[in-house]
Amino acid sequence: MKTTQKTHEWLMAKNRGGRSRLQVLGWRKLAALYYAAEAGSPVRKVIDKECRRCGYAPRTILALNA
């Protein structure tokens, strides 16, 4: 659980421009982080939310970039 929490904090950290890594990273990297995290973890939830924010079904975007 500690690793997941650190990954979530890293993913949500803001850069100098004020954008989080979640918004900056490509879908391929996000898909790798998603599949490395446990089901129901904060990392998976935030990536699912980002997929929906961009107008995609999470399973579609992650399957294309896995």
PDB file of N, CA and C in Angstrom:
ATOM      1  N   MET A   1       0.817  -1.195   0.000  1.00  0.00           N
ATOM      2  CA  MET A   1       0.000   0.000   0.000  1.00  0.00           C
ATOM      3  C   MET A   1       0.861   1.259   0.000  1.00  0.00           C
ATOM      4  N   LYS A   2       2.022   1.212   0.649  1.00  0.00           N
ATOM      5  CA  LYS A   2       2.890   2.385   0.682  1.00  0.00           C
ATOM      6  C   LYS A   2       3.330   2.795  -0.716  1.00  0.00           C
ATOM      7  N   THR A   3       3.704   1.821  -1.534  1.00  0.00           N
ATOM      8  CA  THR A   3       4.154   2.122  -2.891  1.00  0.00           C
ATOM      9  C   THR A   3       3.040   2.763  -3.696  1.00  0.00           C
ATOM     10  N   THR A   4       1.828   2.256  -3.543  1.00  0.00           N
ATOM     11  CA  THR A   4       0.693   2.826  -4.262  1.00  0.00           C
ATOM     12  C   THR A   4       0.469   4.269  -3.846  1.00  0.00           C
ATOM     13  N   GLN A   5       0.560   4.543  -2.550  1.00  0.00           N
ATOM     14  CA  GLN A   5       0.363   5.911  -2.070  1.00  0.00           C
ATOM     15  C   GLN A   5       1.433   6.837  -2.620  1.00  0.00           C
ATOM     16  N   LYS A   6       2.697   6.387  -2.632  1.00  0.00           N
ATOM     17  CA  LYS A   6       3.771   7.214  -3.188  1.00  0.00           C
ATOM     18  C   LYS A   6       3.559   7.443  -4.669  1.00  0.00           C
ATOM     19  N   THR A   7       3.120   6.415  -5.378  1.00  0.00           N
ATOM     20  CA  THR A   7       2.864   6.562  -6.808  1.00  0.00           C
ATOM     21  C   THR A   7       1.726   7.551  -7.037  1.00  0.00           C
ATOM     22  N   HIS A   8       0.703   7.490  -6.224  1.00  0.00           N
ATOM     23  CA  HIS A   8      -0.425   8.410  -6.353  1.00  0.00           C
ATOM     24  C   HIS A   8       0.030   9.846  -6.099  1.00  0.00           C
ATOM     25  N   GLU A   9       0.825  10.047  -5.057  1.00  0.00           N
ATOM     26  CA  GLU A   9       1.345  11.387  -4.767  1.00  0.00           C
ATOM     27  C   GLU A   9       2.220  11.885  -5.912  1.00  0.00           C
ATOM     28  N   TRP A  10       3.056  11.011  -6.460  1.00  0.00           N
ATOM     29  CA  TRP A  10       3.928  11.376  -7.583  1.00  0.00           C
ATOM     30  C   TRP A  10       3.090  11.752  -8.799  1.00  0.00           C
ATOM     31  N   LEU A  11       2.049  10.983  -9.047  1.00  0.00           N
ATOM     32  CA  LEU A  11       1.195  11.204 -10.204  1.00  0.00           C
ATOM     33  C   LEU A  11       0.432  12.523 -10.103  1.00  0.00           C
ATOM     34  N   MET A  12       0.074  12.919  -8.905  1.00  0.00           N
ATOM     35  CA  MET A  12      -0.716  14.130  -8.702  1.00  0.00           C
ATOM     36  C   MET A  12       0.145  15.372  -8.458  1.00  0.00           C
ATOM     37  N   ALA A  13       1.463  15.213  -8.322  1.00  0.00           N
ATOM     38  CA  ALA A  13       2.355  16.357  -8.086  1.00  0.00           C
ATOM     39  C   ALA A  13       2.318  17.309  -9.279  1.00  0.00           C
ATOM     40  N   LYS A  14       2.401  18.583  -8.989  1.00  0.00           N
ATOM     41  CA  LYS A  14       2.338  19.612 -10.032  1.00  0.00           C
ATOM     42  C   LYS A  14       3.743  20.005 -10.487  1.00  0.00           C
ATOM     43  N   ASN A  15       3.874  20.325 -11.758  1.00  0.00           N
ATOM     44  CA  ASN A  15       5.147  20.817 -12.275  1.00  0.00           C
ATOM     45  C   ASN A  15       5.165  22.345 -12.193  1.00  0.00           C
ATOM     46  N   ARG A  16       6.183  22.965 -12.717  1.00  0.00           N
ATOM     47  CA  ARG A  16       6.298  24.432 -12.638  1.00  0.00           C
ATOM     48  C   ARG A  16       5.169  25.152 -13.355  1.00  0.00           C
ATOM     49  N   GLY A  17       4.626  24.516 -14.355  1.00  0.00           N
ATOM     50  CA  GLY A  17       3.530  25.119 -15.109  1.00  0.00           C
ATOM     51  C   GLY A  17       2.174  24.941 -14.448  1.00  0.00           C
ATOM     52  N   GLY A  18       2.132  24.214 -13.326  1.00  0.00           N
ATOM     53  CA  GLY A  18       0.885  24.015 -12.609  1.00  0.00           C
ATOM     54  C   GLY A  18       0.067  22.822 -13.074  1.00  0.00           C
ATOM     55  N   ARG A  19       0.630  21.993 -13.944  1.00  0.00           N
ATOM     56  CA  ARG A  19      -0.071  20.813 -14.446  1.00  0.00           C
ATOM     57  C   ARG A  19       0.444  19.575 -13.725  1.00  0.00           C
ATOM     58  N   SER A  20      -0.438  18.650 -13.407  1.00  0.00           N
ATOM     59  CA  SER A  20      -0.029  17.420 -12.734  1.00  0.00           C
ATOM     60  C   SER A  20       0.575  16.452 -13.751  1.00  0.00           C
ATOM     61  N   ARG A  21       1.346  15.504 -13.241  1.00  0.00           N
ATOM     62  CA  ARG A  21       1.931  14.491 -14.128  1.00  0.00           C
ATOM     63  C   ARG A  21       0.843  13.682 -14.817  1.00  0.00           C
ATOM     64  N   LEU A  22      -0.278  13.543 -14.162  1.00  0.00           N
ATOM     65  CA  LEU A  22      -1.415  12.840 -14.750  1.00  0.00           C
ATOM     66  C   LEU A  22      -1.808  13.478 -16.075  1.00  0.00           C
ATOM     67  N   GLN A  23      -1.754  14.794 -16.155  1.00  0.00           N
ATOM     68  CA  GLN A  23      -2.124  15.507 -17.371  1.00  0.00           C
ATOM     69  C   GLN A  23      -0.997  15.546 -18.389  1.00  0.00           C
ATOM     70  N   VAL A  24       0.234  15.364 -17.954  1.00  0.00           N
ATOM     71  CA  VAL A  24       1.392  15.510 -18.827  1.00  0.00           C
ATOM     72  C   VAL A  24       1.833  14.178 -19.437  1.00  0.00           C
ATOM     73  N   LEU A  25       1.713  13.102 -18.678  1.00  0.00           N
ATOM     74  CA  LEU A  25       2.171  11.798 -19.157  1.00  0.00           C
ATOM     75  C   LEU A  25       1.305  11.292 -20.298  1.00  0.00           C
ATOM     76  N   GLY A  26       1.905  10.466 -21.142  1.00  0.00           N
ATOM     77  CA  GLY A  26       1.176   9.865 -22.248  1.00  0.00           C
ATOM     78  C   GLY A  26       0.326   8.696 -21.784  1.00  0.00           C
ATOM     79  N   TRP A  27      -0.621   8.300 -22.619  1.00  0.00           N
ATOM     80  CA  TRP A  27      -1.519   7.207 -22.258  1.00  0.00           C
ATOM     81  C   TRP A  27      -0.779   5.896 -22.064  1.00  0.00           C
ATOM     82  N   ARG A  28       0.304   5.680 -22.799  1.00  0.00           N
ATOM     83  CA  ARG A  28       1.060   4.434 -22.663  1.00  0.00           C
ATOM     84  C   ARG A  28       1.643   4.297 -21.257  1.00  0.00           C
ATOM     85  N   LYS A  29       2.212   5.374 -20.729  1.00  0.00           N
ATOM     86  CA  LYS A  29       2.774   5.359 -19.379  1.00  0.00           C
ATOM     87  C   LYS A  29       1.664   5.230 -18.337  1.00  0.00           C
ATOM     88  N   LEU A  30       0.559   5.932 -18.553  1.00  0.00           N
ATOM     89  CA  LEU A  30      -0.568   5.828 -17.630  1.00  0.00           C
ATOM     90  C   LEU A  30      -1.139   4.415 -17.608  1.00  0.00           C
ATOM     91  N   ALA A  31      -1.193   3.765 -18.773  1.00  0.00           N
ATOM     92  CA  ALA A  31      -1.680   2.386 -18.829  1.00  0.00           C
ATOM     93  C   ALA A  31      -0.751   1.456 -18.047  1.00  0.00           C
ATOM     94  N   ALA A  32       0.553   1.657 -18.151  1.00  0.00           N
ATOM     95  CA  ALA A  32       1.501   0.831 -17.401  1.00  0.00           C
ATOM     96  C   ALA A  32       1.323   1.029 -15.894  1.00  0.00           C
ATOM     97  N   LEU A  33       1.145   2.269 -15.458  1.00  0.00           N
ATOM     98  CA  LEU A  33       0.904   2.551 -14.039  1.00  0.00           C
ATOM     99  C   LEU A  33      -0.419   1.933 -13.581  1.00  0.00           C
ATOM    100  N   TYR A  34      -1.419   2.003 -14.427  1.00  0.00           N
ATOM    101  CA  TYR A  34      -2.743   1.467 -14.101  1.00  0.00           C
ATOM    102  C   TYR A  34      -2.668  -0.032 -13.868  1.00  0.00           C
ATOM    103  N   TYR A  35      -2.032  -0.748 -14.780  1.00  0.00           N
ATOM    104  CA  TYR A  35      -1.966  -2.201 -14.659  1.00  0.00           C
ATOM    105  C   TYR A  35      -1.020  -2.656 -13.551  1.00  0.00           C
ATOM    106  N   ALA A  36      -0.078  -1.819 -13.139  1.00  0.00           N
ATOM    107  CA  ALA A  36       0.824  -2.160 -12.040  1.00  0.00           C
ATOM    108  C   ALA A  36       0.159  -1.948 -10.682  1.00  0.00           C
ATOM    109  N   ALA A  37      -0.879  -1.126 -10.615  1.00  0.00           N
ATOM    110  CA  ALA A  37      -1.564  -0.827  -9.353  1.00  0.00           C
ATOM    111  C   ALA A  37      -2.617  -1.896  -9.053  1.00  0.00           C
ATOM    112  N   GLU A  38      -2.973  -2.005  -7.791  1.00  0.00           N
ATOM    113  CA  GLU A  38      -3.999  -2.948  -7.360  1.00  0.00           C
ATOM    114  C   GLU A  38      -5.384  -2.422  -7.730  1.00  0.00           C
ATOM    115  N   ALA A  39      -6.323  -3.338  -7.869  1.00  0.00           N
ATOM    116  CA  ALA A  39      -7.702  -2.947  -8.173  1.00  0.00           C
ATOM    117  C   ALA A  39      -8.261  -2.095  -7.044  1.00  0.00           C
ATOM    118  N   GLY A  40      -8.917  -1.010  -7.386  1.00  0.00           N
ATOM    119  CA  GLY A  40      -9.521  -0.124  -6.394  1.00  0.00           C
ATOM    120  C   GLY A  40      -8.561   0.839  -5.729  1.00  0.00           C
ATOM    121  N   SER A  41      -7.309   0.856  -6.168  1.00  0.00           N
ATOM    122  CA  SER A  41      -6.311   1.742  -5.564  1.00  0.00           C
ATOM    123  C   SER A  41      -6.536   3.186  -6.024  1.00  0.00           C
ATOM    124  N   PRO A  42      -5.987   4.151  -5.286  1.00  0.00           N
ATOM    125  CA  PRO A  42      -6.134   5.557  -5.688  1.00  0.00           C
ATOM    126  C   PRO A  42      -5.558   5.839  -7.080  1.00  0.00           C
ATOM    127  N   VAL A  43      -4.498   5.129  -7.460  1.00  0.00           N
ATOM    128  CA  VAL A  43      -3.890   5.324  -8.782  1.00  0.00           C
ATOM    129  C   VAL A  43      -4.884   4.947  -9.874  1.00  0.00           C
ATOM    130  N   ARG A  44      -5.511   3.795  -9.734  1.00  0.00           N
ATOM    131  CA  ARG A  44      -6.480   3.364 -10.741  1.00  0.00           C
ATOM    132  C   ARG A  44      -7.685   4.308 -10.803  1.00  0.00           C
ATOM    133  N   LYS A  45      -8.137   4.746  -9.650  1.00  0.00           N
ATOM    134  CA  LYS A  45      -9.295   5.639  -9.620  1.00  0.00           C
ATOM    135  C   LYS A  45      -9.011   6.959 -10.325  1.00  0.00           C
ATOM    136  N   VAL A  46      -7.841   7.525 -10.083  1.00  0.00           N
ATOM    137  CA  VAL A  46      -7.524   8.824 -10.683  1.00  0.00           C
ATOM    138  C   VAL A  46      -7.297   8.694 -12.200  1.00  0.00           C
ATOM    139  N   ILE A  47      -6.726   7.576 -12.648  1.00  0.00           N
ATOM    140  CA  ILE A  47      -6.542   7.357 -14.089  1.00  0.00           C
ATOM    141  C   ILE A  47      -7.900   7.135 -14.766  1.00  0.00           C
ATOM    142  N   ASP A  48      -8.789   6.387 -14.106  1.00  0.00           N
ATOM    143  CA  ASP A  48     -10.148   6.215 -14.633  1.00  0.00           C
ATOM    144  C   ASP A  48     -10.844   7.573 -14.778  1.00  0.00           C
ATOM    145  N   LYS A  49     -10.704   8.391 -13.772  1.00  0.00           N
ATOM    146  CA  LYS A  49     -11.322   9.718 -13.785  1.00  0.00           C
ATOM    147  C   LYS A  49     -10.762  10.576 -14.919  1.00  0.00           C
ATOM    148  N   GLU A  50      -9.459  10.501 -15.145  1.00  0.00           N
ATOM    149  CA  GLU A  50      -8.831  11.272 -16.234  1.00  0.00           C
ATOM    150  C   GLU A  50      -9.325  10.792 -17.592  1.00  0.00           C
ATOM    151  N   CYS A  51      -9.470   9.479 -17.766  1.00  0.00           N
ATOM    152  CA  CYS A  51     -10.006   8.942 -19.029  1.00  0.00           C
ATOM    153  C   CYS A  51     -11.393   9.508 -19.294  1.00  0.00           C
ATOM    154  N   ARG A  52     -12.224   9.480 -18.278  1.00  0.00           N
ATOM    155  CA  ARG A  52     -13.588   9.992 -18.437  1.00  0.00           C
ATOM    156  C   ARG A  52     -13.602  11.492 -18.701  1.00  0.00           C
ATOM    157  N   ARG A  53     -12.697  12.230 -18.045  1.00  0.00           N
ATOM    158  CA  ARG A  53     -12.619  13.681 -18.255  1.00  0.00           C
ATOM    159  C   ARG A  53     -12.286  13.998 -19.706  1.00  0.00           C
ATOM    160  N   CYS A  54     -11.459  13.155 -20.317  1.00  0.00           N
ATOM    161  CA  CYS A  54     -11.070  13.359 -21.716  1.00  0.00           C
ATOM    162  C   CYS A  54     -12.106  12.811 -22.694  1.00  0.00           C
ATOM    163  N   GLY A  55     -13.168  12.192 -22.175  1.00  0.00           N
ATOM    164  CA  GLY A  55     -14.244  11.706 -23.032  1.00  0.00           C
ATOM    165  C   GLY A  55     -14.079  10.286 -23.519  1.00  0.00           C
ATOM    166  N   TYR A  56     -13.230   9.513 -22.874  1.00  0.00           N
ATOM    167  CA  TYR A  56     -12.992   8.127 -23.282  1.00  0.00           C
ATOM    168  C   TYR A  56     -13.487   7.163 -22.220  1.00  0.00           C
ATOM    169  N   ALA A  57     -13.851   5.966 -22.639  1.00  0.00           N
ATOM    170  CA  ALA A  57     -14.123   4.890 -21.696  1.00  0.00           C
ATOM    171  C   ALA A  57     -12.759   4.373 -21.230  1.00  0.00           C
ATOM    172  N   PRO A  58     -12.549   4.230 -19.942  1.00  0.00           N
ATOM    173  CA  PRO A  58     -11.233   3.797 -19.446  1.00  0.00           C
ATOM    174  C   PRO A  58     -10.738   2.502 -20.076  1.00  0.00           C
ATOM    175  N   ARG A  59     -11.602   1.523 -20.224  1.00  0.00           N
ATOM    176  CA  ARG A  59     -11.142   0.232 -20.777  1.00  0.00           C
ATOM    177  C   ARG A  59     -10.680   0.379 -22.224  1.00  0.00           C
ATOM    178  N   THR A  60     -11.285   1.274 -22.974  1.00  0.00           N
ATOM    179  CA  THR A  60     -10.911   1.482 -24.373  1.00  0.00           C
ATOM    180  C   THR A  60      -9.536   2.115 -24.482  1.00  0.00           C
ATOM    181  N   ILE A  61      -9.313   3.215 -23.798  1.00  0.00           N
ATOM    182  CA  ILE A  61      -8.048   3.937 -23.902  1.00  0.00           C
ATOM    183  C   ILE A  61      -6.890   3.125 -23.332  1.00  0.00           C
ATOM    184  N   LEU A  62      -7.143   2.388 -22.250  1.00  0.00           N
ATOM    185  CA  LEU A  62      -6.082   1.594 -21.647  1.00  0.00           C
ATOM    186  C   LEU A  62      -5.755   0.356 -22.474  1.00  0.00           C
ATOM    187  N   ALA A  63      -6.748  -0.243 -23.104  1.00  0.00           N
ATOM    188  CA  ALA A  63      -6.514  -1.411 -23.947  1.00  0.00           C
ATOM    189  C   ALA A  63      -5.708  -1.035 -25.185  1.00  0.00           C
ATOM    190  N   LEU A  64      -5.946   0.143 -25.726  1.00  0.00           N
ATOM    191  CA  LEU A  64      -5.223   0.584 -26.915  1.00  0.00           C
ATOM    192  C   LEU A  64      -3.759   0.903 -26.615  1.00  0.00           C
ATOM    193  N   ASN A  65      -3.447   1.277 -25.385  1.00  0.00           N
ATOM    194  CA  ASN A  65      -2.114   1.707 -25.047  1.00  0.00           C
ATOM    195  C   ASN A  65      -1.357   0.782 -24.108  1.00  0.00           C
ATOM    196  N   ALA A  66      -1.878  -0.394 -23.862  1.00  0.00           N
ATOM    197  CA  ALA A  66      -1.201  -1.338 -22.948  1.00  0.00           C
ATOM    198  C   ALA A  66      -0.003  -1.979 -23.598  1.00  0.00           C
TER     199      ALA A  66
END
